[in-house]
Protein backbone atom coordinates (compact mmCIF):
# COMPACT_ATOMS: atom_id res chain seq x y z
CA MET A 1 -30.02 -10.02 -2.63
CA LYS A 2 -28.97 -13.11 -0.69
CA ARG A 3 -25.27 -13.88 -1.15
CA ILE A 4 -22.31 -11.57 -1.64
CA GLY A 5 -18.70 -12.48 -2.29
CA LEU A 6 -15.71 -10.89 -0.58
CA LEU A 7 -12.04 -11.06 -1.54
CA THR A 8 -8.75 -9.32 -0.87
CA SER A 9 -6.29 -8.73 -3.70
CA GLY A 10 -2.78 -7.36 -4.13
CA GLY A 11 -0.23 -6.97 -1.34
CA ASP A 12 -1.37 -7.46 2.22
CA CYS A 13 -1.52 -4.65 4.78
CA ALA A 14 -2.77 -3.96 8.27
CA GLY A 15 -6.51 -3.36 8.55
CA LEU A 16 -7.79 -5.84 5.97
CA ASN A 17 -9.34 -8.11 8.58
CA ALA A 18 -11.13 -5.15 10.17
CA ALA A 19 -12.74 -4.48 6.79
CA LEU A 20 -13.72 -8.15 6.40
CA ARG A 21 -15.28 -8.06 9.87
CA ALA A 22 -17.25 -4.91 9.02
CA VAL A 23 -18.56 -6.37 5.76
CA TYR A 24 -19.80 -9.49 7.53
CA ALA A 25 -21.35 -7.52 10.39
CA ARG A 26 -23.29 -5.18 8.13
CA ALA A 27 -24.28 -7.77 5.53
CA HIS A 28 -25.28 -10.59 7.86
CA HIS A 29 -26.69 -8.74 10.84
CA GLY A 30 -27.92 -5.67 8.99
CA TYR A 31 -29.45 -7.31 5.90
CA GLY A 32 -29.56 -11.03 6.64
CA TRP A 33 -27.24 -11.88 3.74
CA THR A 34 -24.73 -14.69 3.47
CA VAL A 35 -21.13 -13.56 2.98
CA VAL A 36 -18.81 -15.87 1.03
CA GLY A 37 -15.10 -15.32 1.60
CA ILE A 38 -13.05 -16.07 -1.53
CA ARG A 39 -9.53 -17.29 -0.81
CA ASN A 40 -6.39 -15.85 -2.41
CA GLY A 41 -8.12 -13.27 -4.56
CA THR A 42 -8.83 -14.14 -8.19
CA ALA A 43 -6.57 -17.19 -7.83
CA GLY A 44 -9.21 -18.79 -5.61
CA LEU A 45 -11.83 -18.32 -8.32
CA MET A 46 -9.62 -20.17 -10.83
CA GLU A 47 -9.39 -23.26 -8.62
CA ARG A 48 -11.79 -26.19 -8.97
CA PRO A 49 -13.46 -26.55 -6.64
CA VAL A 50 -13.50 -22.79 -6.07
CA GLN A 51 -11.56 -21.87 -2.95
CA ALA A 52 -14.22 -20.14 -0.87
CA GLU A 53 -16.30 -20.59 2.27
CA GLU A 54 -19.30 -18.99 3.90
CA LEU A 55 -18.26 -16.72 6.76
CA ASP A 56 -19.84 -17.26 10.16
CA GLU A 57 -19.89 -15.58 13.56
CA ARG A 58 -16.17 -16.10 13.91
CA ALA A 59 -15.85 -13.20 11.50
CA MET A 60 -17.35 -10.98 14.22
CA ASN A 61 -14.54 -11.78 16.65
CA SER A 62 -12.89 -8.58 17.88
CA ASP A 63 -9.52 -10.32 17.53
CA LEU A 64 -9.78 -9.60 13.80
CA LEU A 65 -9.47 -5.88 14.55
CA ARG A 66 -6.01 -6.55 15.96
CA LEU A 67 -4.85 -9.08 13.39
CA GLY A 68 -2.59 -8.02 10.52
CA GLY A 69 -2.68 -9.51 7.02
CA THR A 70 -5.85 -11.13 5.70
CA ILE A 71 -7.51 -14.33 6.88
CA LEU A 72 -8.71 -14.91 3.31
CA GLY A 73 -5.24 -14.80 1.80
CA THR A 74 -4.30 -12.66 -1.18
CA THR A 75 -2.13 -12.55 -4.27
CA ASN A 76 -0.32 -9.81 -6.16
CA LYS A 77 0.62 -11.87 -9.21
CA GLY A 78 -1.08 -13.96 -11.85
CA ASN A 79 -3.09 -11.39 -13.82
CA PRO A 80 -5.94 -13.54 -15.21
CA PHE A 81 -5.91 -11.58 -18.46
CA LYS A 82 -2.27 -12.58 -18.97
CA PHE A 83 -1.63 -15.54 -16.71
CA PRO A 84 1.95 -16.92 -16.76
CA MET A 85 2.32 -20.63 -17.52
CA GLU A 86 5.22 -22.93 -16.65
CA ASP A 87 6.44 -23.05 -20.26
CA GLY A 88 6.86 -19.27 -20.33
CA SER A 89 3.70 -18.57 -22.29
CA PHE A 90 0.73 -16.48 -21.18
CA VAL A 91 -2.94 -17.39 -21.38
CA ASP A 92 -6.22 -15.56 -20.77
CA ARG A 93 -7.98 -17.23 -17.81
CA THR A 94 -10.67 -14.63 -17.27
CA ASN A 95 -13.49 -16.98 -18.25
CA GLU A 96 -12.37 -19.34 -15.47
CA VAL A 97 -12.56 -16.51 -12.94
CA ILE A 98 -16.02 -15.46 -14.09
CA GLU A 99 -17.21 -19.08 -14.11
CA GLY A 100 -15.84 -19.51 -10.57
CA TYR A 101 -17.80 -16.48 -9.40
CA LYS A 102 -21.00 -17.83 -10.94
CA MET A 103 -20.45 -21.27 -9.40
CA LEU A 104 -20.75 -19.63 -5.98
CA ASN A 105 -24.24 -18.28 -6.84
CA LEU A 106 -23.30 -14.77 -5.76
CA ASP A 107 -25.41 -11.66 -6.26
CA ALA A 108 -22.55 -9.14 -5.94
CA LEU A 109 -18.86 -8.88 -5.11
CA ILE A 110 -16.84 -6.67 -2.77
CA MET A 111 -13.12 -6.50 -3.47
CA ILE A 112 -10.48 -4.92 -1.25
CA GLY A 113 -7.36 -3.90 -3.12
CA GLY A 114 -5.12 -1.27 -4.65
CA ASP A 115 -5.45 0.50 -7.97
CA GLY A 116 -3.87 -2.34 -9.96
CA SER A 117 -6.19 -4.96 -8.52
CA MET A 118 -9.17 -2.64 -8.94
CA ALA A 119 -8.40 -2.15 -12.62
CA ILE A 120 -8.14 -5.90 -13.24
CA ILE A 121 -11.21 -6.92 -11.24
CA ARG A 122 -13.30 -4.06 -12.63
CA LYS A 123 -12.46 -5.26 -16.14
CA LEU A 124 -13.45 -8.79 -15.11
CA ALA A 125 -16.70 -7.49 -13.63
CA LYS A 126 -17.55 -5.66 -16.83
CA GLN A 127 -16.81 -8.77 -18.90
CA GLY A 128 -18.80 -11.10 -16.66
CA GLY A 129 -21.65 -8.82 -15.65
CA ILE A 130 -20.60 -8.92 -11.99
CA PRO A 131 -22.03 -6.22 -9.68
CA LEU A 132 -18.89 -4.83 -8.01
CA VAL A 133 -18.01 -2.49 -5.15
CA ALA A 134 -14.39 -1.72 -4.20
CA ILE A 135 -12.66 -0.85 -0.95
CA PRO A 136 -9.25 0.87 -1.25
CA LYS A 137 -6.21 -0.52 0.51
CA THR A 138 -2.58 0.35 -0.05
CA ILE A 139 0.23 1.29 2.26
CA ASP A 140 1.45 3.69 -0.46
CA ASN A 141 -1.76 5.76 -0.16
CA ASP A 142 -1.62 6.51 -3.88
CA ILE A 143 -5.21 5.69 -4.86
CA GLY A 144 -7.04 8.73 -6.20
CA ALA A 145 -10.34 10.14 -4.92
CA THR A 146 -9.70 9.21 -1.27
CA GLU A 147 -7.60 10.99 1.32
CA THR A 148 -6.46 7.74 2.91
CA SER A 149 -6.52 4.01 2.29
CA ILE A 150 -6.43 0.97 4.56
CA GLY A 151 -2.88 0.19 5.67
CA PHE A 152 -1.27 3.60 5.30
CA GLU A 153 -1.35 4.72 8.92
CA THR A 154 0.18 1.48 10.20
CA ALA A 155 2.94 1.64 7.57
CA VAL A 156 3.79 5.19 8.62
CA GLN A 157 3.85 4.11 12.27
CA ALA A 158 6.29 1.29 11.49
CA ALA A 159 8.55 3.65 9.54
CA THR A 160 8.44 6.30 12.26
CA SER A 161 9.24 3.70 14.90
CA ALA A 162 12.27 2.64 12.85
CA LEU A 163 13.54 6.23 12.83
CA ASP A 164 12.96 6.43 16.58
CA HIS A 165 15.18 3.39 17.01
CA LEU A 166 17.85 4.53 14.54
CA GLN A 167 18.35 8.01 15.95
CA PRO A 168 20.06 7.04 19.25
CA THR A 169 22.47 4.69 17.44
CA ALA A 170 23.21 7.37 14.84
CA ALA A 171 24.02 9.87 17.58
CA SER A 172 26.06 7.38 19.62
CA HIS A 173 28.29 6.42 16.68
CA SER A 174 28.35 9.71 14.72
CA ARG A 175 26.76 8.10 11.67
CA VAL A 176 24.50 8.96 8.80
CA MET A 177 21.62 6.50 8.94
CA VAL A 178 19.78 5.82 5.68
CA LEU A 179 16.31 4.27 5.94
CA GLU A 180 14.82 2.81 2.74
CA LEU A 181 11.02 2.64 2.80
CA MET A 182 8.35 1.24 0.52
CA GLY A 183 6.70 3.54 -1.99
CA ARG A 184 6.35 1.98 -5.43
CA ASP A 185 4.92 5.03 -7.16
CA ALA A 186 4.55 7.64 -4.44
CA GLY A 187 6.53 9.00 -1.50
CA HIS A 188 3.76 9.41 1.06
CA ILE A 189 5.21 6.96 3.62
CA ALA A 190 8.65 8.57 3.38
CA LEU A 191 7.20 12.08 3.67
CA TRP A 192 4.91 11.41 6.63
CA SER A 193 7.37 9.30 8.61
CA GLY A 194 10.26 11.59 7.74
CA ILE A 195 8.44 14.54 9.29
CA ALA A 196 7.23 12.51 12.28
CA GLY A 197 10.62 10.90 12.88
CA GLY A 198 12.77 14.01 12.55
CA ALA A 199 14.57 13.12 9.30
CA ASP A 200 17.11 15.59 7.96
CA VAL A 201 16.74 14.50 4.33
CA ILE A 202 13.69 12.97 2.64
CA LEU A 203 14.05 11.63 -0.89
CA ILE A 204 10.85 10.83 -2.80
CA PRO A 205 10.24 9.99 -6.47
CA GLU A 206 8.19 13.15 -7.02
CA ILE A 207 11.12 15.51 -6.36
CA PRO A 208 14.42 15.17 -8.30
CA TYR A 209 17.54 15.43 -6.13
CA LYS A 210 21.24 16.16 -6.39
CA LEU A 211 23.83 14.38 -4.30
CA SER A 212 25.64 17.69 -3.91
CA ALA A 213 22.57 19.19 -2.20
CA ILE A 214 22.35 16.23 0.18
CA CYS A 215 26.03 16.57 1.06
CA GLU A 216 25.62 20.31 1.56
CA LYS A 217 22.81 19.63 4.01
CA LEU A 218 24.96 17.17 5.95
CA GLU A 219 27.80 19.68 6.05
CA GLN A 220 25.40 22.29 7.40
CA LEU A 221 24.46 19.92 10.22
CA LYS A 222 28.13 19.42 11.08
CA LYS A 223 28.62 23.16 11.35
CA ARG A 224 25.78 23.19 13.86
CA LYS A 225 27.74 20.67 15.97
CA ARG A 226 25.41 17.81 15.00
CA ASN A 227 27.34 14.53 14.77
CA PHE A 228 24.66 12.44 13.00
CA ALA A 229 21.94 12.61 10.36
CA LEU A 230 18.84 10.68 9.35
CA VAL A 231 18.08 10.19 5.66
CA VAL A 232 14.79 8.65 4.48
CA VAL A 233 14.45 7.42 0.89
CA ALA A 234 11.45 5.87 -0.87
CA GLU A 235 12.24 2.69 -2.80
CA ALA A 236 11.14 4.17 -6.15
CA VAL A 237 13.71 6.97 -6.04
CA LYS A 238 16.17 6.67 -8.91
CA THR A 239 19.91 7.25 -8.99
CA GLU A 240 21.09 10.79 -9.59
CA THR A 241 21.49 9.95 -13.28
CA GLY A 242 17.96 8.53 -13.55
CA GLU A 243 18.36 4.75 -13.33
CA ALA A 244 15.88 2.70 -11.33
CA VAL A 245 17.41 0.40 -8.71
CA THR A 246 15.61 -2.96 -8.83
CA ALA A 247 15.97 -6.65 -8.05
CA VAL A 248 14.57 -9.76 -9.76
CA HIS A 249 12.56 -12.29 -7.75
CA GLY A 250 11.85 -15.80 -9.01
CA GLY A 251 12.53 -17.16 -12.47
CA GLY A 252 10.86 -18.00 -15.76
CA ALA A 253 7.50 -16.53 -16.69
CA GLY A 254 6.71 -15.90 -13.03
CA ALA A 255 9.77 -13.72 -12.43
CA THR A 256 9.06 -10.26 -11.08
CA ARG A 257 11.22 -7.17 -10.79
CA THR A 258 10.68 -4.87 -7.83
CA TYR A 259 12.30 -1.76 -6.47
CA GLY A 260 15.05 -2.23 -3.91
CA GLY A 261 18.60 -1.05 -3.28
CA ILE A 262 18.35 2.72 -3.58
CA GLY A 263 19.18 3.07 0.11
CA GLN A 264 22.53 1.34 -0.38
CA TYR A 265 23.28 3.55 -3.38
CA ILE A 266 22.53 6.74 -1.43
CA ALA A 267 24.60 5.58 1.56
CA GLU A 268 27.59 4.66 -0.60
CA GLU A 269 27.49 7.97 -2.44
CA ILE A 270 27.25 9.96 0.80
CA ALA A 271 30.23 8.03 2.20
CA ARG A 272 32.22 8.57 -0.98
CA LEU A 273 31.52 12.28 -1.23
CA THR A 274 31.70 13.26 2.46
CA GLY A 275 33.74 10.57 4.19
CA ALA A 276 30.89 10.05 6.65
CA GLU A 277 30.26 6.65 8.19
CA THR A 278 26.93 5.42 6.87
CA ARG A 279 24.59 2.54 7.62
CA VAL A 280 21.51 1.36 5.71
CA THR A 281 18.26 -0.10 7.00
CA VAL A 282 15.76 -1.51 4.51
CA LEU A 283 12.45 -1.76 6.35
CA GLY A 284 10.71 -3.76 3.62
CA HIS A 285 7.67 -5.83 4.50
CA VAL A 286 7.78 -4.82 8.15
CA GLN A 287 5.69 -1.88 6.96
CA ARG A 288 2.94 -4.21 5.71
CA GLY A 289 2.55 -6.40 8.76
CA GLY A 290 1.88 -6.00 12.44
CA THR A 291 -1.09 -4.93 14.52
CA PRO A 292 -3.22 -2.31 12.72
CA GLU A 293 -3.09 1.18 14.19
CA PRO A 294 -6.44 2.59 15.42
CA GLY A 295 -6.85 4.79 12.36
CA ASP A 296 -6.65 1.83 10.00
CA ARG A 297 -9.12 -0.13 12.10
CA VAL A 298 -11.64 2.72 12.09
CA ILE A 299 -11.29 3.54 8.39
CA ALA A 300 -11.51 -0.14 7.43
CA SER A 301 -14.64 -0.59 9.54
CA ALA A 302 -16.33 2.47 8.04
CA PHE A 303 -15.37 1.38 4.52
CA GLY A 304 -16.74 -2.13 5.04
CA VAL A 305 -20.12 -0.93 6.26
CA HIS A 306 -20.50 1.62 3.46
CA ALA A 307 -19.53 -0.93 0.80
CA VAL A 308 -22.35 -3.23 1.90
CA ASP A 309 -24.80 -0.33 1.93
CA LEU A 310 -23.84 0.48 -1.67
CA ILE A 311 -24.77 -3.07 -2.68
CA ALA A 312 -28.08 -2.76 -0.82
CA GLU A 313 -28.77 0.38 -2.82
CA LYS A 314 -27.66 -1.38 -6.05
CA ARG A 315 -25.03 1.29 -6.63
CA TYR A 316 -22.29 -0.72 -8.32
CA ASP A 317 -18.95 -0.02 -9.99
CA ARG A 318 -18.09 2.34 -7.13
CA MET A 319 -15.25 2.64 -4.63
CA VAL A 320 -15.69 3.83 -1.08
CA GLY A 321 -13.34 6.54 0.14
CA TRP A 322 -12.66 9.09 2.86
CA ASN A 323 -12.89 12.83 2.22
CA ASN A 324 -13.61 15.80 4.46
CA ARG A 325 -13.91 13.60 7.55
CA ARG A 326 -16.64 11.38 6.12
CA VAL A 327 -17.10 8.25 4.04
CA VAL A 328 -17.87 8.91 0.38
CA ASP A 329 -18.11 6.81 -2.77
CA VAL A 330 -16.87 7.50 -6.28
CA PRO A 331 -16.79 5.66 -9.61
CA ILE A 332 -13.99 3.08 -9.57
CA GLU A 333 -12.82 4.42 -12.90
CA ASP A 334 -12.21 7.86 -11.37
CA ALA A 335 -10.21 6.38 -8.49
CA ILE A 336 -7.83 4.32 -10.63
CA ARG A 337 -7.42 7.05 -13.24
CA ALA A 338 -6.24 9.74 -10.82
CA ALA A 339 -3.21 8.45 -8.92
CA GLN A 340 -2.48 10.38 -5.73
CA THR A 341 1.25 11.07 -5.63
CA VAL A 342 2.95 13.62 -3.40
CA ASP A 343 2.41 17.20 -4.52
CA PRO A 344 5.86 18.85 -4.56
CA GLN A 345 4.16 22.17 -3.75
CA GLY A 346 1.73 20.65 -1.27
CA GLU A 347 1.19 21.53 2.36
CA LEU A 348 3.30 18.73 3.83
CA VAL A 349 6.29 19.37 1.58
CA THR A 350 6.05 23.06 2.45
CA ALA A 351 5.85 22.20 6.14
CA ALA A 352 8.86 19.88 5.88
CA ARG A 353 10.93 22.58 4.19
CA GLY A 354 9.83 24.98 6.93
CA LEU A 355 11.25 22.53 9.45
CA GLY A 356 14.60 22.57 7.67
CA ILE A 357 14.21 19.17 6.00
CA SER A 358 15.97 18.82 2.64
CA PHE A 359 14.46 16.99 -0.31
CA GLY A 360 17.81 16.86 -2.07
CA ASP A 361 16.89 19.66 -4.44
CA SER A 362 18.16 22.29 -2.01
CA VAL A 363 19.63 22.40 1.49
CA ALA A 364 16.10 22.87 2.98
């Protein structure tokens, strides 16, 4: 073992650079290996020349612990198995990716990404005979087989801070403040920040809601002489009748449709049904950026070191994770097969209900 590749894939999040730093530290100083940073995920492997560079001691700089995003760049579009072309067609560019990997003379690859990226790159690794180890990152915290992923804690902190800022304005103006948060498939950010930030209503995709129950909760607060309310809603929540609220970005073959707008829908319906003055805040990508919280820095560092050790032990096709207060590793297939959504009967939902928080299925 002499050279290993390292790339980030999917949406960015806080803590990625801490993981990159840990991989370099363990690989270079622990084993004497060269670490090659691949730029912009699989897109960098399609370029000719391949977009990559050998990492050096700058990767050990402690500033990387504090830096959000990823110094390698990343992409969350352009699936190489179905790559969109300008004429609207799709082509398979996987052989280009595999060729790019081989051109770098690498002995193994570490990828940092979410479940979607893991599924794609694992399939590429199988096709190209690439020894692969994965590190989980996602602000949604919906990857299976790990209790937490890089980026989640910082996203929750950003969302909680937003509630801390909204509450005084809500109370000053007697308003219902609706905060729309990210959460493509799971409501973990909304649940955690809603509890931490004192939300009165938390709406998540795992628990169906009724507008009448939300309005009843708000009426209950009024009877208690409360002149404001905080409502948190995950972006993947649907309308009461089951329609997804989405927006289209870009055009042609590269157009993408993402969640967005459910907060406005909820606010308008609350205003219509109760007469309350409502305001909407869509936090969006603020949850992805910023200085990583300590938890993300520590988890990312532990994940990076363990990933390199797995390569040293020639234990491939595995993802590192965190369970029972220690680093573990599991087959990548197990991690991407078992999505970790919010358990409607889980401890945190039970705790939230005990605090009087409504999930829109009942007053509390």
